[in-house]
């Protein structure tokens, strides 16, 4: 599946933030091998300043403009970019499935199917000028929401976690979407620091200038990990974590204790089983390992 570098090539990214950032691993490797793909998707659009080596396009301006269109999964706009109305969907490939981490699956596709050389797990994200990494080293970003309710830890436990962090002289900062802010207004009135930022660029800058990130299994953890902010992610079960844990910067996961043998029941009860003290224990461990890890993320 080797392309000519002169071919007009588009990458159509799916809507989820994590999926898009994982898709950028393929884009980064294509660019490193001399290709000039144009990338489409709202995540890439809002984070275009974080990917200076990549051209980000507007779908309406590129109808039927490309010889080859690659999608991770089918999107509602991918086919409209193609001259012949067809796309190549990575999710249909055997290499896209299996038990490996999603980043490693993309790396395998880049190397084995696209025959790219010197492939990397990096997605090419770079902190833009004007954003000071780790400007607030004692600020812990907490992302207490997400697009899948079953993956969201209990609200009252997140608030208790914030109190526990304050006892360590760390300042927690809750990040929610604008349409979620009303549900968290009472927490703000109670003295918790709650922010609803307008777009992903603002979110990424807020995370980048913080010292730590704790959140549910959701896209913002992938942003934090891409930047290199130490990231602790809460998962309902190990299988999900094996494939979807943030896969770039320093990080760890925390799972409920393995006391229930059945998967469906485990997913139903994980919020009750995962305690604040268990999350704090993993956060302490992450602080210890991150303090001794001064490596720079590959690009």
C-alpha atoms as a PDB file:
ATOM      1  CA  UNK A   1       0.000   0.000   0.000  1.00  0.00           C
ATOM      2  CA  UNK A   2       2.882   2.339  -0.783  1.00  0.00           C
ATOM      3  CA  UNK A   3       1.837   5.711  -2.213  1.00  0.00           C
ATOM      4  CA  UNK A   4       3.574   8.069  -4.590  1.00  0.00           C
ATOM      5  CA  UNK A   5       4.713  11.157  -2.702  1.00  0.00           C
ATOM      6  CA  UNK A   6       3.146  13.281  -5.437  1.00  0.00           C
ATOM      7  CA  UNK A   7      -0.322  11.831  -4.900  1.00  0.00           C
ATOM      8  CA  UNK A   8      -2.853  14.103  -3.232  1.00  0.00           C
ATOM      9  CA  UNK A   9      -3.422  12.410   0.125  1.00  0.00           C
ATOM     10  CA  UNK A  10      -6.005  13.208   2.809  1.00  0.00           C
ATOM     11  CA  UNK A  11      -6.409  11.855   6.331  1.00  0.00           C
ATOM     12  CA  UNK A  12      -9.958  12.048   7.716  1.00  0.00           C
ATOM     13  CA  UNK A  13      -9.851  11.826  11.511  1.00  0.00           C
ATOM     14  CA  UNK A  14     -12.796  10.556  13.594  1.00  0.00           C
ATOM     15  CA  UNK A  15     -14.521  12.877  16.099  1.00  0.00           C
ATOM     16  CA  UNK A  16     -13.229  11.416  19.419  1.00  0.00           C
ATOM     17  CA  UNK A  17     -10.218  13.348  20.721  1.00  0.00           C
ATOM     18  CA  UNK A  18      -8.185  10.282  21.654  1.00  0.00           C
ATOM     19  CA  UNK A  19      -8.814   8.579  18.317  1.00  0.00           C
ATOM     20  CA  UNK A  20      -7.770  11.725  16.462  1.00  0.00           C
ATOM     21  CA  UNK A  21      -4.520  12.079  18.415  1.00  0.00           C
ATOM     22  CA  UNK A  22      -3.747   8.417  17.774  1.00  0.00           C
ATOM     23  CA  UNK A  23      -4.506   8.982  14.089  1.00  0.00           C
ATOM     24  CA  UNK A  24      -1.960  11.794  14.118  1.00  0.00           C
ATOM     25  CA  UNK A  25       0.710   9.128  14.722  1.00  0.00           C
ATOM     26  CA  UNK A  26       0.124   7.961  11.141  1.00  0.00           C
ATOM     27  CA  UNK A  27       0.138  11.557   9.895  1.00  0.00           C
ATOM     28  CA  UNK A  28       3.421  12.265  11.688  1.00  0.00           C
ATOM     29  CA  UNK A  29       5.065   9.211  10.159  1.00  0.00           C
ATOM     30  CA  UNK A  30       3.812  10.098   6.685  1.00  0.00           C
ATOM     31  CA  UNK A  31       5.278  13.599   7.024  1.00  0.00           C
ATOM     32  CA  UNK A  32       8.580  12.195   8.289  1.00  0.00           C
ATOM     33  CA  UNK A  33       8.731  10.038   5.157  1.00  0.00           C
ATOM     34  CA  UNK A  34       8.223  12.868   2.691  1.00  0.00           C
ATOM     35  CA  UNK A  35       4.452  12.814   2.217  1.00  0.00           C
ATOM     36  CA  UNK A  36       2.321  15.926   2.541  1.00  0.00           C
ATOM     37  CA  UNK A  37      -1.098  14.747   3.689  1.00  0.00           C
ATOM     38  CA  UNK A  38      -3.875  17.224   4.364  1.00  0.00           C
ATOM     39  CA  UNK A  39      -5.639  16.442   7.641  1.00  0.00           C
ATOM     40  CA  UNK A  40      -9.350  16.921   8.311  1.00  0.00           C
ATOM     41  CA  UNK A  41     -11.378  16.785  11.515  1.00  0.00           C
ATOM     42  CA  UNK A  42     -12.449  19.154  14.257  1.00  0.00           C
ATOM     43  CA  UNK A  43      -9.715  18.034  16.670  1.00  0.00           C
ATOM     44  CA  UNK A  44      -6.952  18.793  14.179  1.00  0.00           C
ATOM     45  CA  UNK A  45      -8.649  22.082  13.302  1.00  0.00           C
ATOM     46  CA  UNK A  46      -8.744  23.309  16.898  1.00  0.00           C
ATOM     47  CA  UNK A  47      -5.211  22.050  17.636  1.00  0.00           C
ATOM     48  CA  UNK A  48      -3.601  23.142  14.369  1.00  0.00           C
ATOM     49  CA  UNK A  49      -1.125  25.404  16.197  1.00  0.00           C
ATOM     50  CA  UNK A  50       0.094  22.303  18.054  1.00  0.00           C
ATOM     51  CA  UNK A  51       0.919  20.492  14.798  1.00  0.00           C
ATOM     52  CA  UNK A  52       3.046  23.030  12.887  1.00  0.00           C
ATOM     53  CA  UNK A  53       4.383  20.437  10.424  1.00  0.00           C
ATOM     54  CA  UNK A  54       0.892  19.450   9.259  1.00  0.00           C
ATOM     55  CA  UNK A  55      -1.536  21.078   6.831  1.00  0.00           C
ATOM     56  CA  UNK A  56      -5.056  21.103   8.249  1.00  0.00           C
ATOM     57  CA  UNK A  57      -7.858  21.545   5.739  1.00  0.00           C
ATOM     58  CA  UNK A  58     -11.512  22.551   5.694  1.00  0.00           C
ATOM     59  CA  UNK A  59     -13.787  19.900   4.198  1.00  0.00           C
ATOM     60  CA  UNK A  60     -15.915  22.389   2.247  1.00  0.00           C
ATOM     61  CA  UNK A  61     -12.827  23.700   0.445  1.00  0.00           C
ATOM     62  CA  UNK A  62     -11.583  20.271  -0.709  1.00  0.00           C
ATOM     63  CA  UNK A  63     -14.585  18.421  -2.131  1.00  0.00           C
ATOM     64  CA  UNK A  64     -13.409  15.611  -4.439  1.00  0.00           C
ATOM     65  CA  UNK A  65      -9.829  16.882  -4.334  1.00  0.00           C
ATOM     66  CA  UNK A  66      -7.819  13.810  -3.297  1.00  0.00           C
ATOM     67  CA  UNK A  67      -6.476  10.701  -5.005  1.00  0.00           C
ATOM     68  CA  UNK A  68      -6.356   8.814  -1.708  1.00  0.00           C
ATOM     69  CA  UNK A  69      -8.382   9.355   1.466  1.00  0.00           C
ATOM     70  CA  UNK A  70      -7.503   7.400   4.607  1.00  0.00           C
ATOM     71  CA  UNK A  71      -9.879   7.083   7.557  1.00  0.00           C
ATOM     72  CA  UNK A  72      -9.280   5.363  10.875  1.00  0.00           C
ATOM     73  CA  UNK A  73     -12.989   4.621  10.976  1.00  0.00           C
ATOM     74  CA  UNK A  74     -15.694   5.814   8.580  1.00  0.00           C
ATOM     75  CA  UNK A  75     -16.520   9.493   9.019  1.00  0.00           C
ATOM     76  CA  UNK A  76     -19.446  11.464   7.670  1.00  0.00           C
ATOM     77  CA  UNK A  77     -17.164  13.547   5.423  1.00  0.00           C
ATOM     78  CA  UNK A  78     -14.339  11.265   4.273  1.00  0.00           C
ATOM     79  CA  UNK A  79     -15.907  10.098   1.010  1.00  0.00           C
ATOM     80  CA  UNK A  80     -16.682  13.665  -0.041  1.00  0.00           C
ATOM     81  CA  UNK A  81     -12.936  14.402  -0.142  1.00  0.00           C
ATOM     82  CA  UNK A  82     -12.200  11.571  -2.578  1.00  0.00           C
ATOM     83  CA  UNK A  83     -12.171  11.916  -6.374  1.00  0.00           C
ATOM     84  CA  UNK A  84     -13.852   8.532  -6.768  1.00  0.00           C
ATOM     85  CA  UNK A  85     -15.948   8.634  -3.588  1.00  0.00           C
ATOM     86  CA  UNK A  86     -13.957   5.814  -1.977  1.00  0.00           C
ATOM     87  CA  UNK A  87     -11.780   5.756   1.138  1.00  0.00           C
ATOM     88  CA  UNK A  88      -9.335   3.344   2.748  1.00  0.00           C
ATOM     89  CA  UNK A  89     -10.543   2.513   6.263  1.00  0.00           C
ATOM     90  CA  UNK A  90      -7.864   1.363   8.698  1.00  0.00           C
ATOM     91  CA  UNK A  91     -10.425  -0.248  11.021  1.00  0.00           C
ATOM     92  CA  UNK A  92     -11.072  -2.835   8.280  1.00  0.00           C
ATOM     93  CA  UNK A  93      -7.458  -4.040   8.444  1.00  0.00           C
ATOM     94  CA  UNK A  94      -6.425  -6.982  10.650  1.00  0.00           C
ATOM     95  CA  UNK A  95      -3.542  -4.906  12.013  1.00  0.00           C
ATOM     96  CA  UNK A  96      -5.977  -2.349  13.430  1.00  0.00           C
ATOM     97  CA  UNK A  97      -7.542  -4.966  15.688  1.00  0.00           C
ATOM     98  CA  UNK A  98      -6.075  -7.271  18.305  1.00  0.00           C
ATOM     99  CA  UNK A  99      -4.648  -6.806  21.783  1.00  0.00           C
ATOM    100  CA  UNK A 100      -1.866  -4.269  21.192  1.00  0.00           C
ATOM    101  CA  UNK A 101      -2.067  -0.667  22.324  1.00  0.00           C
ATOM    102  CA  UNK A 102      -3.811   1.469  19.709  1.00  0.00           C
ATOM    103  CA  UNK A 103      -0.671   3.528  19.078  1.00  0.00           C
ATOM    104  CA  UNK A 104       1.305   0.357  18.385  1.00  0.00           C
ATOM    105  CA  UNK A 105      -1.372  -0.815  15.958  1.00  0.00           C
ATOM    106  CA  UNK A 106      -0.985   2.420  13.993  1.00  0.00           C
ATOM    107  CA  UNK A 107       2.806   2.038  14.062  1.00  0.00           C
ATOM    108  CA  UNK A 108       2.456  -1.493  12.650  1.00  0.00           C
ATOM    109  CA  UNK A 109       0.218  -0.216   9.849  1.00  0.00           C
ATOM    110  CA  UNK A 110       2.642   2.604   9.055  1.00  0.00           C
ATOM    111  CA  UNK A 111       5.604   0.236   8.873  1.00  0.00           C
ATOM    112  CA  UNK A 112       4.170  -2.971   7.426  1.00  0.00           C
ATOM    113  CA  UNK A 113       1.402  -1.756   5.122  1.00  0.00           C
ATOM    114  CA  UNK A 114       2.508   1.743   4.148  1.00  0.00           C
ATOM    115  CA  UNK A 115       6.180   0.683   4.130  1.00  0.00           C
ATOM    116  CA  UNK A 116       7.275   3.822   5.967  1.00  0.00           C
ATOM    117  CA  UNK A 117      10.801   3.965   7.354  1.00  0.00           C
ATOM    118  CA  UNK A 118      11.984   4.789  10.877  1.00  0.00           C
ATOM    119  CA  UNK A 119       8.462   4.951  12.247  1.00  0.00           C
ATOM    120  CA  UNK A 120       7.786   6.542  15.617  1.00  0.00           C
ATOM    121  CA  UNK A 121       5.034   6.305  18.225  1.00  0.00           C
ATOM    122  CA  UNK A 122       4.982  10.115  18.479  1.00  0.00           C
ATOM    123  CA  UNK A 123       2.066  12.059  17.027  1.00  0.00           C
ATOM    124  CA  UNK A 124       4.077  15.200  16.327  1.00  0.00           C
ATOM    125  CA  UNK A 125       2.344  17.475  18.834  1.00  0.00           C
ATOM    126  CA  UNK A 126       4.512  20.446  19.860  1.00  0.00           C
ATOM    127  CA  UNK A 127       3.742  23.024  22.557  1.00  0.00           C
ATOM    128  CA  UNK A 128       3.278  26.311  20.637  1.00  0.00           C
ATOM    129  CA  UNK A 129       5.047  29.604  21.360  1.00  0.00           C
ATOM    130  CA  UNK A 130       3.458  31.580  24.168  1.00  0.00           C
ATOM    131  CA  UNK A 131       2.490  28.481  26.129  1.00  0.00           C
ATOM    132  CA  UNK A 132       4.830  27.817  29.061  1.00  0.00           C
ATOM    133  CA  UNK A 133       5.035  24.132  29.898  1.00  0.00           C
ATOM    134  CA  UNK A 134       4.673  23.405  33.656  1.00  0.00           C
ATOM    135  CA  UNK A 135       4.166  27.072  34.484  1.00  0.00           C
ATOM    136  CA  UNK A 136       2.002  26.030  37.458  1.00  0.00           C
ATOM    137  CA  UNK A 137       3.749  22.888  38.776  1.00  0.00           C
ATOM    138  CA  UNK A 138       1.383  22.502  41.741  1.00  0.00           C
ATOM    139  CA  UNK A 139      -1.781  22.650  39.634  1.00  0.00           C
ATOM    140  CA  UNK A 140      -3.527  19.324  39.083  1.00  0.00           C
ATOM    141  CA  UNK A 141      -6.049  19.320  36.244  1.00  0.00           C
ATOM    142  CA  UNK A 142      -8.993  17.041  37.018  1.00  0.00           C
ATOM    143  CA  UNK A 143     -11.296  15.961  34.201  1.00  0.00           C
ATOM    144  CA  UNK A 144     -14.385  14.547  35.950  1.00  0.00           C
ATOM    145  CA  UNK A 145     -16.645  14.077  32.920  1.00  0.00           C
ATOM    146  CA  UNK A 146     -16.585  12.369  29.525  1.00  0.00           C
ATOM    147  CA  UNK A 147     -18.715  11.332  26.582  1.00  0.00           C
ATOM    148  CA  UNK A 148     -19.473   7.846  27.965  1.00  0.00           C
ATOM    149  CA  UNK A 149     -21.382   7.933  31.295  1.00  0.00           C
ATOM    150  CA  UNK A 150     -20.376   4.374  32.157  1.00  0.00           C
ATOM    151  CA  UNK A 151     -16.704   5.448  32.182  1.00  0.00           C
ATOM    152  CA  UNK A 152     -17.215   8.412  34.520  1.00  0.00           C
ATOM    153  CA  UNK A 153     -16.128   8.003  38.151  1.00  0.00           C
ATOM    154  CA  UNK A 154     -18.436   9.291  40.868  1.00  0.00           C
ATOM    155  CA  UNK A 155     -18.704  13.060  41.160  1.00  0.00           C
ATOM    156  CA  UNK A 156     -18.530  13.102  44.972  1.00  0.00           C
ATOM    157  CA  UNK A 157     -15.328  11.050  44.821  1.00  0.00           C
ATOM    158  CA  UNK A 158     -13.726  13.541  42.440  1.00  0.00           C
ATOM    159  CA  UNK A 159     -14.569  16.321  44.905  1.00  0.00           C
ATOM    160  CA  UNK A 160     -13.103  14.268  47.752  1.00  0.00           C
ATOM    161  CA  UNK A 161     -10.006  13.690  45.614  1.00  0.00           C
ATOM    162  CA  UNK A 162      -9.657  17.452  45.194  1.00  0.00           C
ATOM    163  CA  UNK A 163      -9.757  17.915  48.964  1.00  0.00           C
ATOM    164  CA  UNK A 164      -7.112  15.216  49.412  1.00  0.00           C
ATOM    165  CA  UNK A 165      -4.860  16.960  46.887  1.00  0.00           C
ATOM    166  CA  UNK A 166      -5.257  20.281  48.693  1.00  0.00           C
ATOM    167  CA  UNK A 167      -3.924  18.647  51.853  1.00  0.00           C
ATOM    168  CA  UNK A 168      -0.729  18.012  49.867  1.00  0.00           C
ATOM    169  CA  UNK A 169      -0.621  21.739  49.013  1.00  0.00           C
ATOM    170  CA  UNK A 170      -1.622  20.983  45.424  1.00  0.00           C
ATOM    171  CA  UNK A 171      -4.266  23.079  43.674  1.00  0.00           C
ATOM    172  CA  UNK A 172      -6.834  21.104  41.745  1.00  0.00           C
ATOM    173  CA  UNK A 173      -8.537  22.625  38.718  1.00  0.00           C
ATOM    174  CA  UNK A 174     -11.617  20.929  37.282  1.00  0.00           C
ATOM    175  CA  UNK A 175     -12.020  21.075  33.500  1.00  0.00           C
ATOM    176  CA  UNK A 176     -15.478  20.482  32.024  1.00  0.00           C
ATOM    177  CA  UNK A 177     -17.074  21.211  28.653  1.00  0.00           C
ATOM    178  CA  UNK A 178     -19.109  24.425  28.291  1.00  0.00           C
ATOM    179  CA  UNK A 179     -22.340  22.418  28.105  1.00  0.00           C
ATOM    180  CA  UNK A 180     -21.398  20.650  31.372  1.00  0.00           C
ATOM    181  CA  UNK A 181     -20.636  23.761  33.404  1.00  0.00           C
ATOM    182  CA  UNK A 182     -24.173  24.267  34.721  1.00  0.00           C
ATOM    183  CA  UNK A 183     -24.065  20.845  36.371  1.00  0.00           C
ATOM    184  CA  UNK A 184     -20.833  21.867  38.128  1.00  0.00           C
ATOM    185  CA  UNK A 185     -21.839  25.405  39.081  1.00  0.00           C
ATOM    186  CA  UNK A 186     -22.637  24.335  42.651  1.00  0.00           C
ATOM    187  CA  UNK A 187     -19.130  22.900  43.045  1.00  0.00           C
ATOM    188  CA  UNK A 188     -17.743  26.233  41.897  1.00  0.00           C
ATOM    189  CA  UNK A 189     -19.949  28.028  44.442  1.00  0.00           C
ATOM    190  CA  UNK A 190     -18.637  25.669  47.125  1.00  0.00           C
ATOM    191  CA  UNK A 191     -15.100  26.855  46.461  1.00  0.00           C
ATOM    192  CA  UNK A 192     -13.829  24.354  43.919  1.00  0.00           C
ATOM    193  CA  UNK A 193     -11.940  25.716  40.901  1.00  0.00           C
ATOM    194  CA  UNK A 194     -14.058  24.792  37.850  1.00  0.00           C
ATOM    195  CA  UNK A 195     -13.356  25.911  34.281  1.00  0.00           C
ATOM    196  CA  UNK A 196     -15.246  25.459  31.005  1.00  0.00           C
ATOM    197  CA  UNK A 197     -12.921  26.585  28.225  1.00  0.00           C
ATOM    198  CA  UNK A 198     -14.102  27.461  24.737  1.00  0.00           C
ATOM    199  CA  UNK A 199     -12.026  25.185  22.512  1.00  0.00           C
ATOM    200  CA  UNK A 200      -9.348  22.495  22.511  1.00  0.00           C
ATOM    201  CA  UNK A 201      -6.539  24.987  22.014  1.00  0.00           C
ATOM    202  CA  UNK A 202      -7.456  26.688  25.306  1.00  0.00           C
ATOM    203  CA  UNK A 203      -7.874  23.306  27.001  1.00  0.00           C
ATOM    204  CA  UNK A 204      -4.479  22.104  25.783  1.00  0.00           C
ATOM    205  CA  UNK A 205      -2.777  25.313  26.949  1.00  0.00           C
ATOM    206  CA  UNK A 206      -4.371  24.995  30.394  1.00  0.00           C
ATOM    207  CA  UNK A 207      -3.219  21.396  30.678  1.00  0.00           C
ATOM    208  CA  UNK A 208       0.277  22.153  29.348  1.00  0.00           C
ATOM    209  CA  UNK A 209       0.861  24.869  31.930  1.00  0.00           C
ATOM    210  CA  UNK A 210      -0.215  22.526  34.748  1.00  0.00           C
ATOM    211  CA  UNK A 211       1.910  20.030  36.615  1.00  0.00           C
ATOM    212  CA  UNK A 212      -0.397  16.998  36.613  1.00  0.00           C
ATOM    213  CA  UNK A 213      -3.531  15.530  35.064  1.00  0.00           C
ATOM    214  CA  UNK A 214      -6.074  13.114  36.577  1.00  0.00           C
ATOM    215  CA  UNK A 215      -9.172  12.031  34.690  1.00  0.00           C
ATOM    216  CA  UNK A 216     -11.564   9.427  33.393  1.00  0.00           C
ATOM    217  CA  UNK A 217     -10.830   7.313  30.332  1.00  0.00           C
ATOM    218  CA  UNK A 218     -11.430  10.159  27.864  1.00  0.00           C
ATOM    219  CA  UNK A 219      -9.778  12.362  25.275  1.00  0.00           C
ATOM    220  CA  UNK A 220      -8.253  15.008  27.532  1.00  0.00           C
ATOM    221  CA  UNK A 221      -5.923  12.443  29.067  1.00  0.00           C
ATOM    222  CA  UNK A 222      -4.538  11.800  25.584  1.00  0.00           C
ATOM    223  CA  UNK A 223      -3.905  15.534  25.167  1.00  0.00           C
ATOM    224  CA  UNK A 224      -2.056  15.652  28.491  1.00  0.00           C
ATOM    225  CA  UNK A 225       0.020  12.604  27.597  1.00  0.00           C
ATOM    226  CA  UNK A 226       0.860  14.001  24.150  1.00  0.00           C
ATOM    227  CA  UNK A 227       2.157  17.167  25.803  1.00  0.00           C
ATOM    228  CA  UNK A 228       4.157  15.231  28.394  1.00  0.00           C
ATOM    229  CA  UNK A 229       2.121  16.178  31.468  1.00  0.00           C
ATOM    230  CA  UNK A 230       2.178  13.251  33.950  1.00  0.00           C
ATOM    231  CA  UNK A 231      -1.236  11.642  33.543  1.00  0.00           C
ATOM    232  CA  UNK A 232      -3.263   9.369  35.819  1.00  0.00           C
ATOM    233  CA  UNK A 233      -6.244   7.736  34.102  1.00  0.00           C
ATOM    234  CA  UNK A 234      -9.135   5.949  35.804  1.00  0.00           C
ATOM    235  CA  UNK A 235     -10.306   2.798  34.019  1.00  0.00           C
ATOM    236  CA  UNK A 236     -13.172   0.432  34.710  1.00  0.00           C
ATOM    237  CA  UNK A 237     -11.231  -2.644  33.547  1.00  0.00           C
ATOM    238  CA  UNK A 238      -7.755  -3.673  32.488  1.00  0.00           C
ATOM    239  CA  UNK A 239      -8.632  -4.706  28.933  1.00  0.00           C
ATOM    240  CA  UNK A 240      -9.657  -1.163  28.047  1.00  0.00           C
ATOM    241  CA  UNK A 241      -6.524   0.225  29.641  1.00  0.00           C
ATOM    242  CA  UNK A 242      -4.317  -2.172  27.698  1.00  0.00           C
ATOM    243  CA  UNK A 243      -5.489  -0.714  24.389  1.00  0.00           C
ATOM    244  CA  UNK A 244      -6.530   2.833  25.233  1.00  0.00           C
ATOM    245  CA  UNK A 245      -4.423   4.203  28.086  1.00  0.00           C
ATOM    246  CA  UNK A 246      -2.711   7.487  27.116  1.00  0.00           C
ATOM    247  CA  UNK A 247       0.409   6.289  25.360  1.00  0.00           C
ATOM    248  CA  UNK A 248       3.028   9.035  25.111  1.00  0.00           C
ATOM    249  CA  UNK A 249       4.252  10.914  28.188  1.00  0.00           C
ATOM    250  CA  UNK A 250       4.737   9.737  31.782  1.00  0.00           C
ATOM    251  CA  UNK A 251       1.575   8.228  33.154  1.00  0.00           C
ATOM    252  CA  UNK A 252      -0.166   5.501  35.073  1.00  0.00           C
ATOM    253  CA  UNK A 253      -3.598   3.939  35.357  1.00  0.00           C
ATOM    254  CA  UNK A 254      -5.731   3.096  38.346  1.00  0.00           C
ATOM    255  CA  UNK A 255      -8.243   0.249  38.368  1.00  0.00           C
ATOM    256  CA  UNK A 256     -10.763  -0.957  40.939  1.00  0.00           C
ATOM    257  CA  UNK A 257      -9.598  -3.919  43.031  1.00  0.00           C
ATOM    258  CA  UNK A 258      -9.953  -7.205  41.178  1.00  0.00           C
ATOM    259  CA  UNK A 259     -12.533  -8.780  43.465  1.00  0.00           C
ATOM    260  CA  UNK A 260     -15.287  -9.469  40.917  1.00  0.00           C
ATOM    261  CA  UNK A 261     -14.648 -12.185  38.302  1.00  0.00           C
ATOM    262  CA  UNK A 262     -17.400 -11.245  35.848  1.00  0.00           C
ATOM    263  CA  UNK A 263     -16.775  -8.489  33.297  1.00  0.00           C
ATOM    264  CA  UNK A 264     -20.328  -7.131  33.072  1.00  0.00           C
ATOM    265  CA  UNK A 265     -20.695  -6.933  36.848  1.00  0.00           C
ATOM    266  CA  UNK A 266     -17.237  -5.402  37.140  1.00  0.00           C
ATOM    267  CA  UNK A 267     -18.242  -2.620  34.730  1.00  0.00           C
ATOM    268  CA  UNK A 268     -21.437  -1.999  36.689  1.00  0.00           C
ATOM    269  CA  UNK A 269     -19.729  -1.732  40.086  1.00  0.00           C
ATOM    270  CA  UNK A 270     -16.334  -0.229  39.302  1.00  0.00           C
ATOM    271  CA  UNK A 271     -17.309   3.265  40.489  1.00  0.00           C
ATOM    272  CA  UNK A 272     -18.250   1.958  43.910  1.00  0.00           C
ATOM    273  CA  UNK A 273     -15.165  -0.265  44.136  1.00  0.00           C
ATOM    274  CA  UNK A 274     -12.606   2.380  43.157  1.00  0.00           C
ATOM    275  CA  UNK A 275     -11.869   4.424  46.267  1.00  0.00           C
ATOM    276  CA  UNK A 276     -10.360   7.882  46.655  1.00  0.00           C
ATOM    277  CA  UNK A 277      -7.523   6.403  48.698  1.00  0.00           C
ATOM    278  CA  UNK A 278      -6.699   3.970  45.889  1.00  0.00           C
ATOM    279  CA  UNK A 279      -6.524   6.824  43.373  1.00  0.00           C
ATOM    280  CA  UNK A 280      -4.359   8.878  45.735  1.00  0.00           C
ATOM    281  CA  UNK A 281      -2.012   5.925  46.195  1.00  0.00           C
ATOM    282  CA  UNK A 282      -1.450   5.673  42.441  1.00  0.00           C
ATOM    283  CA  UNK A 283      -1.009   9.435  42.227  1.00  0.00           C
ATOM    284  CA  UNK A 284       1.700   9.289  44.905  1.00  0.00           C
ATOM    285  CA  UNK A 285       3.436   6.574  42.863  1.00  0.00           C
ATOM    286  CA  UNK A 286       3.160   8.660  39.690  1.00  0.00           C
ATOM    287  CA  UNK A 287       4.699  11.664  41.444  1.00  0.00           C
ATOM    288  CA  UNK A 288       7.620   9.510  42.552  1.00  0.00           C
ATOM    289  CA  UNK A 289       8.305   8.016  39.125  1.00  0.00           C
ATOM    290  CA  UNK A 290       7.789  11.314  37.294  1.00  0.00           C
ATOM    291  CA  UNK A 291      10.241  13.103  39.578  1.00  0.00           C
ATOM    292  CA  UNK A 292      12.980  10.713  38.443  1.00  0.00           C
ATOM    293  CA  UNK A 293      11.977  10.799  34.759  1.00  0.00           C
ATOM    294  CA  UNK A 294      13.406  13.822  32.949  1.00  0.00           C
ATOM    295  CA  UNK A 295      13.315  12.379  29.428  1.00  0.00           C
ATOM    296  CA  UNK A 296      12.009  14.424  26.502  1.00  0.00           C
ATOM    297  CA  UNK A 297       9.181  13.046  24.367  1.00  0.00           C
ATOM    298  CA  UNK A 298      10.260  11.911  20.887  1.00  0.00           C
ATOM    299  CA  UNK A 299       8.822  13.756  17.919  1.00  0.00           C
END
